[in-house]
Amino acid sequence: MARSILSTLTSHIPPGQLGRYVLVGVWNTAFAYATFALFTYVLGHYIPASYMVASVLSSLLNITVSFLGYKWFVFRTQGNYRREWVRSVMVYSGAIALGLLLLPPTVFAVKEITGNRAAAPYIAGAILLAIQVVVSFLGHKNFSFRPAGTSKGGPDA
């Protein structure tokens, strides 16, 4: 039953594309945290609240690294680097805004359902992370890496 629902939901995705997306996403997550930690450590010797500057710098770097992974490995598009990068930034900005908007009510709902105030933000964050992954995939597939003049993402769509 669950397999047929998943098959129905993913039937329009070219074989291997979702798996490649997950693989690149795991890499992106590890790389993003490592660069944030490194920038925080290095800048901590020079600036107070270095984590804020580190967050901005690592976000710009990480969006670019994830963009290249998605472009070259997942969606396999040709050319259009500037347009696709700007679109990727827009997709990530949308996913981040969605997460920020939904976090307070999701934390509240998790607190009410579980009664666990301490764990609620972490559970809500995990739930929203899963939603953001799906939203980002669909945004990248249908917007960031959509060839000009088409409504489908990538050459193997």
N, C-alpha and C. Protein backbone atom coordinates (compact mmCIF):
# COMPACT_ATOMS: atom_id res chain seq x y z
N MET A 1 0.83 -1.19 0.00
CA MET A 1 0.00 0.00 0.00
C MET A 1 0.88 1.26 0.00
N ALA A 2 1.81 1.37 0.97
CA ALA A 2 2.68 2.54 1.05
C ALA A 2 3.57 2.63 -0.18
N ARG A 3 4.01 1.48 -0.69
CA ARG A 3 4.86 1.46 -1.88
C ARG A 3 4.09 1.97 -3.09
N SER A 4 2.81 1.62 -3.23
CA SER A 4 2.04 2.08 -4.38
C SER A 4 1.77 3.59 -4.29
N ILE A 5 1.58 4.11 -3.09
CA ILE A 5 1.40 5.55 -2.91
C ILE A 5 2.68 6.27 -3.31
N LEU A 6 3.83 5.78 -2.83
CA LEU A 6 5.11 6.37 -3.17
C LEU A 6 5.36 6.29 -4.67
N SER A 7 5.03 5.16 -5.28
CA SER A 7 5.20 5.01 -6.72
C SER A 7 4.34 6.01 -7.49
N THR A 8 3.12 6.21 -7.04
CA THR A 8 2.23 7.17 -7.68
C THR A 8 2.79 8.59 -7.56
N LEU A 9 3.27 8.93 -6.37
CA LEU A 9 3.79 10.28 -6.14
C LEU A 9 5.07 10.56 -6.92
N THR A 10 5.87 9.52 -7.18
CA THR A 10 7.16 9.73 -7.84
C THR A 10 7.19 9.26 -9.29
N SER A 11 6.05 8.89 -9.85
CA SER A 11 6.03 8.32 -11.21
C SER A 11 6.51 9.32 -12.27
N HIS A 12 6.36 10.60 -12.04
CA HIS A 12 6.79 11.61 -13.02
C HIS A 12 8.27 11.98 -12.90
N ILE A 13 8.97 11.44 -11.91
CA ILE A 13 10.38 11.75 -11.70
C ILE A 13 11.21 10.71 -12.45
N PRO A 14 12.15 11.15 -13.30
CA PRO A 14 12.99 10.20 -14.03
C PRO A 14 13.71 9.25 -13.08
N PRO A 15 13.90 8.00 -13.50
CA PRO A 15 14.57 7.00 -12.65
C PRO A 15 15.93 7.51 -12.18
N GLY A 16 16.19 7.37 -10.91
CA GLY A 16 17.47 7.75 -10.34
C GLY A 16 17.56 9.20 -9.89
N GLN A 17 16.69 10.06 -10.40
CA GLN A 17 16.81 11.49 -10.08
C GLN A 17 16.57 11.77 -8.60
N LEU A 18 15.56 11.15 -8.02
CA LEU A 18 15.28 11.37 -6.60
C LEU A 18 16.41 10.83 -5.74
N GLY A 19 16.93 9.68 -6.08
CA GLY A 19 18.06 9.12 -5.34
C GLY A 19 19.29 10.00 -5.43
N ARG A 20 19.57 10.53 -6.62
CA ARG A 20 20.70 11.46 -6.79
C ARG A 20 20.47 12.73 -5.97
N TYR A 21 19.21 13.19 -5.92
CA TYR A 21 18.88 14.38 -5.15
C TYR A 21 19.16 14.13 -3.66
N VAL A 22 18.76 13.00 -3.15
CA VAL A 22 19.00 12.67 -1.75
C VAL A 22 20.49 12.57 -1.46
N LEU A 23 21.23 11.92 -2.35
CA LEU A 23 22.68 11.79 -2.18
C LEU A 23 23.36 13.16 -2.14
N VAL A 24 23.02 14.02 -3.08
CA VAL A 24 23.59 15.37 -3.09
C VAL A 24 23.14 16.13 -1.84
N GLY A 25 21.88 15.93 -1.43
CA GLY A 25 21.37 16.59 -0.23
C GLY A 25 22.13 16.20 1.03
N VAL A 26 22.49 14.92 1.15
CA VAL A 26 23.27 14.46 2.31
C VAL A 26 24.64 15.15 2.29
N TRP A 27 25.27 15.16 1.13
CA TRP A 27 26.56 15.86 0.99
C TRP A 27 26.40 17.33 1.36
N ASN A 28 25.37 17.99 0.83
CA ASN A 28 25.15 19.41 1.08
C ASN A 28 24.99 19.69 2.57
N THR A 29 24.26 18.84 3.26
CA THR A 29 24.03 19.03 4.70
C THR A 29 25.34 18.94 5.47
N ALA A 30 26.14 17.93 5.17
CA ALA A 30 27.43 17.76 5.85
C ALA A 30 28.37 18.92 5.52
N PHE A 31 28.44 19.29 4.26
CA PHE A 31 29.30 20.38 3.82
C PHE A 31 28.86 21.71 4.45
N ALA A 32 27.55 21.94 4.47
CA ALA A 32 27.02 23.19 5.03
C ALA A 32 27.38 23.33 6.51
N TYR A 33 27.20 22.27 7.27
CA TYR A 33 27.51 22.36 8.69
C TYR A 33 29.01 22.54 8.90
N ALA A 34 29.82 21.82 8.12
CA ALA A 34 31.27 21.92 8.26
C ALA A 34 31.76 23.34 7.94
N THR A 35 31.24 23.95 6.88
CA THR A 35 31.68 25.30 6.54
C THR A 35 31.21 26.32 7.57
N PHE A 36 29.99 26.14 8.07
CA PHE A 36 29.50 27.03 9.13
C PHE A 36 30.41 26.94 10.36
N ALA A 37 30.72 25.72 10.77
CA ALA A 37 31.57 25.53 11.95
C ALA A 37 32.97 26.09 11.71
N LEU A 38 33.52 25.85 10.54
CA LEU A 38 34.85 26.36 10.22
C LEU A 38 34.88 27.89 10.21
N PHE A 39 33.92 28.51 9.52
CA PHE A 39 33.87 29.97 9.48
C PHE A 39 33.65 30.56 10.87
N THR A 40 32.81 29.92 11.67
CA THR A 40 32.57 30.40 13.03
C THR A 40 33.86 30.35 13.84
N TYR A 41 34.58 29.25 13.72
CA TYR A 41 35.84 29.09 14.46
C TYR A 41 36.88 30.12 14.02
N VAL A 42 37.09 30.22 12.71
CA VAL A 42 38.12 31.13 12.19
C VAL A 42 37.77 32.59 12.49
N LEU A 43 36.54 32.97 12.20
CA LEU A 43 36.13 34.36 12.42
C LEU A 43 36.01 34.71 13.90
N GLY A 44 35.82 33.70 14.74
CA GLY A 44 35.70 33.92 16.18
C GLY A 44 36.93 34.57 16.78
N HIS A 45 38.06 34.44 16.12
CA HIS A 45 39.28 35.08 16.59
C HIS A 45 39.31 36.57 16.27
N TYR A 46 38.43 37.01 15.39
CA TYR A 46 38.49 38.39 14.90
C TYR A 46 37.23 39.22 15.15
N ILE A 47 36.07 38.58 15.21
CA ILE A 47 34.81 39.32 15.31
C ILE A 47 33.92 38.71 16.38
N PRO A 48 33.26 39.57 17.16
CA PRO A 48 32.27 39.05 18.11
C PRO A 48 31.04 38.54 17.34
N ALA A 49 30.34 37.60 17.91
CA ALA A 49 29.16 37.00 17.26
C ALA A 49 29.50 36.51 15.87
N SER A 50 30.64 35.85 15.74
CA SER A 50 31.13 35.39 14.44
C SER A 50 30.16 34.43 13.76
N TYR A 51 29.33 33.78 14.53
CA TYR A 51 28.40 32.82 13.94
C TYR A 51 27.42 33.49 12.99
N MET A 52 27.12 34.78 13.19
CA MET A 52 26.21 35.48 12.29
C MET A 52 26.86 35.69 10.92
N VAL A 53 28.09 36.18 10.93
CA VAL A 53 28.82 36.36 9.67
C VAL A 53 29.10 35.01 9.04
N ALA A 54 29.45 34.04 9.87
CA ALA A 54 29.70 32.69 9.36
C ALA A 54 28.47 32.11 8.69
N SER A 55 27.32 32.37 9.25
CA SER A 55 26.07 31.87 8.67
C SER A 55 25.83 32.45 7.28
N VAL A 56 26.04 33.75 7.14
CA VAL A 56 25.83 34.40 5.84
C VAL A 56 26.84 33.89 4.82
N LEU A 57 28.12 33.88 5.20
CA LEU A 57 29.15 33.42 4.27
C LEU A 57 28.96 31.96 3.89
N SER A 58 28.70 31.12 4.88
CA SER A 58 28.53 29.70 4.56
C SER A 58 27.27 29.47 3.74
N SER A 59 26.22 30.24 3.97
CA SER A 59 24.99 30.09 3.17
C SER A 59 25.26 30.40 1.71
N LEU A 60 25.97 31.49 1.44
CA LEU A 60 26.29 31.82 0.04
C LEU A 60 27.13 30.73 -0.61
N LEU A 61 28.13 30.26 0.11
CA LEU A 61 28.97 29.19 -0.42
C LEU A 61 28.17 27.90 -0.59
N ASN A 62 27.36 27.56 0.41
CA ASN A 62 26.63 26.30 0.38
C ASN A 62 25.53 26.29 -0.68
N ILE A 63 24.88 27.41 -0.90
CA ILE A 63 23.87 27.47 -1.97
C ILE A 63 24.56 27.23 -3.30
N THR A 64 25.75 27.81 -3.47
CA THR A 64 26.48 27.63 -4.72
C THR A 64 26.94 26.19 -4.89
N VAL A 65 27.46 25.58 -3.85
CA VAL A 65 27.91 24.19 -3.93
C VAL A 65 26.72 23.26 -4.20
N SER A 66 25.61 23.48 -3.51
CA SER A 66 24.45 22.62 -3.75
C SER A 66 23.90 22.84 -5.15
N PHE A 67 23.90 24.10 -5.61
CA PHE A 67 23.46 24.41 -6.97
C PHE A 67 24.27 23.60 -7.98
N LEU A 68 25.59 23.60 -7.84
CA LEU A 68 26.42 22.86 -8.80
C LEU A 68 26.17 21.36 -8.73
N GLY A 69 25.98 20.83 -7.52
CA GLY A 69 25.66 19.40 -7.39
C GLY A 69 24.35 19.05 -8.06
N TYR A 70 23.35 19.89 -7.85
CA TYR A 70 22.05 19.63 -8.47
C TYR A 70 22.13 19.80 -9.99
N LYS A 71 22.83 20.82 -10.44
CA LYS A 71 22.94 21.09 -11.87
C LYS A 71 23.68 19.96 -12.59
N TRP A 72 24.84 19.60 -12.08
CA TRP A 72 25.68 18.64 -12.77
C TRP A 72 25.27 17.19 -12.53
N PHE A 73 24.83 16.86 -11.32
CA PHE A 73 24.62 15.47 -10.96
C PHE A 73 23.15 15.05 -10.94
N VAL A 74 22.27 15.93 -10.48
CA VAL A 74 20.86 15.54 -10.31
C VAL A 74 20.04 15.84 -11.56
N PHE A 75 19.98 17.11 -11.94
CA PHE A 75 19.11 17.51 -13.04
C PHE A 75 19.82 17.54 -14.39
N ARG A 76 21.15 17.59 -14.37
CA ARG A 76 21.99 17.48 -15.56
C ARG A 76 21.61 18.46 -16.66
N THR A 77 21.48 19.72 -16.30
CA THR A 77 21.15 20.74 -17.30
C THR A 77 22.43 21.31 -17.89
N GLN A 78 22.32 21.95 -19.02
CA GLN A 78 23.45 22.55 -19.73
C GLN A 78 23.30 24.06 -19.76
N GLY A 79 24.41 24.81 -19.58
CA GLY A 79 24.38 26.26 -19.69
C GLY A 79 23.52 26.93 -18.63
N ASN A 80 23.14 28.16 -18.86
CA ASN A 80 22.23 28.93 -18.01
C ASN A 80 22.67 29.02 -16.55
N TYR A 81 23.95 29.10 -16.31
CA TYR A 81 24.44 29.09 -14.93
C TYR A 81 23.87 30.24 -14.10
N ARG A 82 23.95 31.46 -14.60
CA ARG A 82 23.49 32.60 -13.81
C ARG A 82 21.99 32.50 -13.53
N ARG A 83 21.20 32.23 -14.56
CA ARG A 83 19.74 32.16 -14.39
C ARG A 83 19.37 31.05 -13.40
N GLU A 84 19.98 29.88 -13.54
CA GLU A 84 19.66 28.76 -12.64
C GLU A 84 20.14 29.03 -11.21
N TRP A 85 21.30 29.71 -11.05
CA TRP A 85 21.77 30.01 -9.70
C TRP A 85 20.82 30.98 -9.02
N VAL A 86 20.40 32.02 -9.73
CA VAL A 86 19.45 32.99 -9.15
C VAL A 86 18.16 32.27 -8.78
N ARG A 87 17.70 31.40 -9.63
CA ARG A 87 16.48 30.64 -9.34
C ARG A 87 16.68 29.73 -8.13
N SER A 88 17.86 29.13 -8.00
CA SER A 88 18.15 28.28 -6.84
C SER A 88 18.09 29.09 -5.55
N VAL A 89 18.66 30.29 -5.58
CA VAL A 89 18.61 31.18 -4.41
C VAL A 89 17.15 31.49 -4.07
N MET A 90 16.35 31.73 -5.10
CA MET A 90 14.92 32.01 -4.87
C MET A 90 14.22 30.80 -4.24
N VAL A 91 14.52 29.60 -4.74
CA VAL A 91 13.89 28.39 -4.18
C VAL A 91 14.31 28.21 -2.72
N TYR A 92 15.62 28.35 -2.45
CA TYR A 92 16.08 28.20 -1.07
C TYR A 92 15.47 29.27 -0.17
N SER A 93 15.38 30.50 -0.67
CA SER A 93 14.79 31.58 0.12
C SER A 93 13.33 31.26 0.44
N GLY A 94 12.62 30.74 -0.55
CA GLY A 94 11.23 30.35 -0.33
C GLY A 94 11.09 29.24 0.69
N ALA A 95 11.96 28.23 0.59
CA ALA A 95 11.91 27.11 1.54
C ALA A 95 12.25 27.58 2.95
N ILE A 96 13.23 28.48 3.06
CA ILE A 96 13.61 29.01 4.38
C ILE A 96 12.46 29.83 4.96
N ALA A 97 11.86 30.68 4.13
CA ALA A 97 10.73 31.50 4.60
C ALA A 97 9.56 30.61 5.03
N LEU A 98 9.28 29.58 4.25
CA LEU A 98 8.21 28.64 4.60
C LEU A 98 8.49 27.99 5.95
N GLY A 99 9.73 27.56 6.15
CA GLY A 99 10.10 26.95 7.42
C GLY A 99 9.94 27.91 8.59
N LEU A 100 10.37 29.15 8.42
CA LEU A 100 10.24 30.14 9.49
C LEU A 100 8.77 30.45 9.79
N LEU A 101 7.96 30.49 8.76
CA LEU A 101 6.53 30.76 8.94
C LEU A 101 5.83 29.61 9.66
N LEU A 102 6.19 28.38 9.31
CA LEU A 102 5.50 27.22 9.86
C LEU A 102 6.07 26.72 11.20
N LEU A 103 7.27 27.16 11.55
CA LEU A 103 7.90 26.64 12.77
C LEU A 103 7.09 26.92 14.04
N PRO A 104 6.68 28.16 14.33
CA PRO A 104 5.94 28.39 15.57
C PRO A 104 4.65 27.56 15.69
N PRO A 105 3.78 27.53 14.66
CA PRO A 105 2.58 26.71 14.83
C PRO A 105 2.87 25.21 14.90
N THR A 106 3.94 24.77 14.23
CA THR A 106 4.29 23.35 14.28
C THR A 106 4.82 22.98 15.66
N VAL A 107 5.64 23.85 16.24
CA VAL A 107 6.13 23.62 17.61
C VAL A 107 4.94 23.55 18.57
N PHE A 108 4.01 24.49 18.44
CA PHE A 108 2.83 24.50 19.29
C PHE A 108 2.04 23.19 19.13
N ALA A 109 1.82 22.76 17.90
CA ALA A 109 1.06 21.53 17.65
C ALA A 109 1.76 20.32 18.24
N VAL A 110 3.08 20.24 18.08
CA VAL A 110 3.83 19.11 18.62
C VAL A 110 3.77 19.11 20.14
N LYS A 111 3.86 20.29 20.77
CA LYS A 111 3.73 20.39 22.23
C LYS A 111 2.37 19.85 22.68
N GLU A 112 1.32 20.27 21.97
CA GLU A 112 -0.04 19.84 22.33
C GLU A 112 -0.22 18.34 22.15
N ILE A 113 0.31 17.80 21.08
CA ILE A 113 0.12 16.37 20.78
C ILE A 113 0.96 15.49 21.68
N THR A 114 2.25 15.88 21.88
CA THR A 114 3.15 15.02 22.65
C THR A 114 3.23 15.39 24.13
N GLY A 115 2.93 16.63 24.45
CA GLY A 115 3.08 17.09 25.83
C GLY A 115 4.54 17.29 26.22
N ASN A 116 5.45 17.19 25.27
CA ASN A 116 6.88 17.30 25.55
C ASN A 116 7.39 18.65 25.05
N ARG A 117 7.44 19.62 25.97
CA ARG A 117 7.87 20.97 25.60
C ARG A 117 9.32 21.02 25.16
N ALA A 118 10.18 20.25 25.81
CA ALA A 118 11.62 20.31 25.51
C ALA A 118 11.93 19.76 24.12
N ALA A 119 11.27 18.69 23.73
CA ALA A 119 11.58 18.06 22.44
C ALA A 119 10.79 18.66 21.28
N ALA A 120 9.75 19.43 21.56
CA ALA A 120 8.87 19.95 20.50
C ALA A 120 9.61 20.72 19.40
N PRO A 121 10.53 21.62 19.73
CA PRO A 121 11.22 22.35 18.66
C PRO A 121 12.04 21.42 17.75
N TYR A 122 12.62 20.39 18.35
CA TYR A 122 13.45 19.47 17.56
C TYR A 122 12.59 18.59 16.65
N ILE A 123 11.47 18.14 17.17
CA ILE A 123 10.54 17.33 16.37
C ILE A 123 9.94 18.19 15.26
N ALA A 124 9.52 19.40 15.60
CA ALA A 124 8.95 20.31 14.60
C ALA A 124 9.98 20.64 13.53
N GLY A 125 11.20 20.87 13.95
CA GLY A 125 12.27 21.15 12.99
C GLY A 125 12.50 20.00 12.03
N ALA A 126 12.46 18.78 12.54
CA ALA A 126 12.63 17.60 11.68
C ALA A 126 11.47 17.46 10.70
N ILE A 127 10.27 17.69 11.19
CA ILE A 127 9.08 17.62 10.31
C ILE A 127 9.20 18.66 9.20
N LEU A 128 9.54 19.88 9.57
CA LEU A 128 9.64 20.94 8.58
C LEU A 128 10.81 20.74 7.64
N LEU A 129 11.88 20.15 8.13
CA LEU A 129 13.02 19.83 7.26
C LEU A 129 12.58 18.88 6.16
N ALA A 130 11.80 17.88 6.52
CA ALA A 130 11.29 16.94 5.51
C ALA A 130 10.42 17.66 4.49
N ILE A 131 9.59 18.57 4.95
CA ILE A 131 8.74 19.34 4.03
C ILE A 131 9.60 20.23 3.14
N GLN A 132 10.62 20.86 3.72
CA GLN A 132 11.50 21.73 2.95
C GLN A 132 12.28 20.96 1.88
N VAL A 133 12.66 19.73 2.18
CA VAL A 133 13.36 18.90 1.19
C VAL A 133 12.46 18.66 -0.02
N VAL A 134 11.19 18.32 0.24
CA VAL A 134 10.24 18.08 -0.85
C VAL A 134 9.99 19.37 -1.63
N VAL A 135 9.74 20.48 -0.93
CA VAL A 135 9.50 21.76 -1.58
C VAL A 135 10.72 22.18 -2.41
N SER A 136 11.92 22.01 -1.86
CA SER A 136 13.13 22.37 -2.59
C SER A 136 13.31 21.51 -3.83
N PHE A 137 13.08 20.20 -3.69
CA PHE A 137 13.19 19.31 -4.85
C PHE A 137 12.24 19.76 -5.96
N LEU A 138 10.99 19.97 -5.60
CA LEU A 138 10.00 20.38 -6.61
C LEU A 138 10.35 21.76 -7.18
N GLY A 139 10.81 22.66 -6.33
CA GLY A 139 11.22 23.98 -6.81
C GLY A 139 12.39 23.91 -7.77
N HIS A 140 13.40 23.12 -7.41
CA HIS A 140 14.56 22.98 -8.30
C HIS A 140 14.18 22.28 -9.60
N LYS A 141 13.39 21.22 -9.48
CA LYS A 141 13.00 20.45 -10.66
C LYS A 141 12.15 21.28 -11.62
N ASN A 142 11.21 22.03 -11.08
CA ASN A 142 10.24 22.74 -11.92
C ASN A 142 10.54 24.21 -12.14
N PHE A 143 11.56 24.75 -11.45
CA PHE A 143 11.85 26.17 -11.60
C PHE A 143 13.34 26.42 -11.83
N SER A 144 14.19 26.05 -10.88
CA SER A 144 15.61 26.38 -10.97
C SER A 144 16.26 25.79 -12.21
N PHE A 145 15.99 24.52 -12.48
CA PHE A 145 16.67 23.81 -13.55
C PHE A 145 15.76 23.46 -14.71
N ARG A 146 14.70 24.24 -14.88
CA ARG A 146 13.77 24.04 -16.00
C ARG A 146 14.37 24.72 -17.22
N PRO A 147 14.56 23.98 -18.30
CA PRO A 147 15.07 24.62 -19.53
C PRO A 147 14.12 25.72 -19.99
N ALA A 148 14.68 26.77 -20.55
CA ALA A 148 13.88 27.91 -21.02
C ALA A 148 12.82 27.43 -22.01
N GLY A 149 11.60 27.92 -21.83
CA GLY A 149 10.52 27.61 -22.74
C GLY A 149 9.85 26.27 -22.51
N THR A 150 10.20 25.59 -21.40
CA THR A 150 9.55 24.30 -21.10
C THR A 150 8.91 24.36 -19.74
N SER A 151 8.08 23.39 -19.46
CA SER A 151 7.45 23.33 -18.15
C SER A 151 7.97 22.15 -17.34
N LYS A 152 8.96 21.45 -17.84
CA LYS A 152 9.53 20.29 -17.15
C LYS A 152 10.96 20.60 -16.75
N GLY A 153 11.46 19.91 -15.74
CA GLY A 153 12.83 20.12 -15.28
C GLY A 153 13.81 19.16 -15.90
N GLY A 154 14.94 19.68 -16.37
CA GLY A 154 16.06 18.87 -16.82
C GLY A 154 15.83 18.16 -18.13
N PRO A 155 16.93 17.67 -18.74
CA PRO A 155 16.83 17.02 -20.03
C PRO A 155 16.21 15.65 -19.97
N ASP A 156 16.26 14.99 -18.81
CA ASP A 156 15.68 13.64 -18.74
C ASP A 156 14.32 13.64 -18.06
N ALA A 157 13.66 14.79 -18.04
CA ALA A 157 12.34 14.90 -17.41
C ALA A 157 11.27 14.30 -18.28
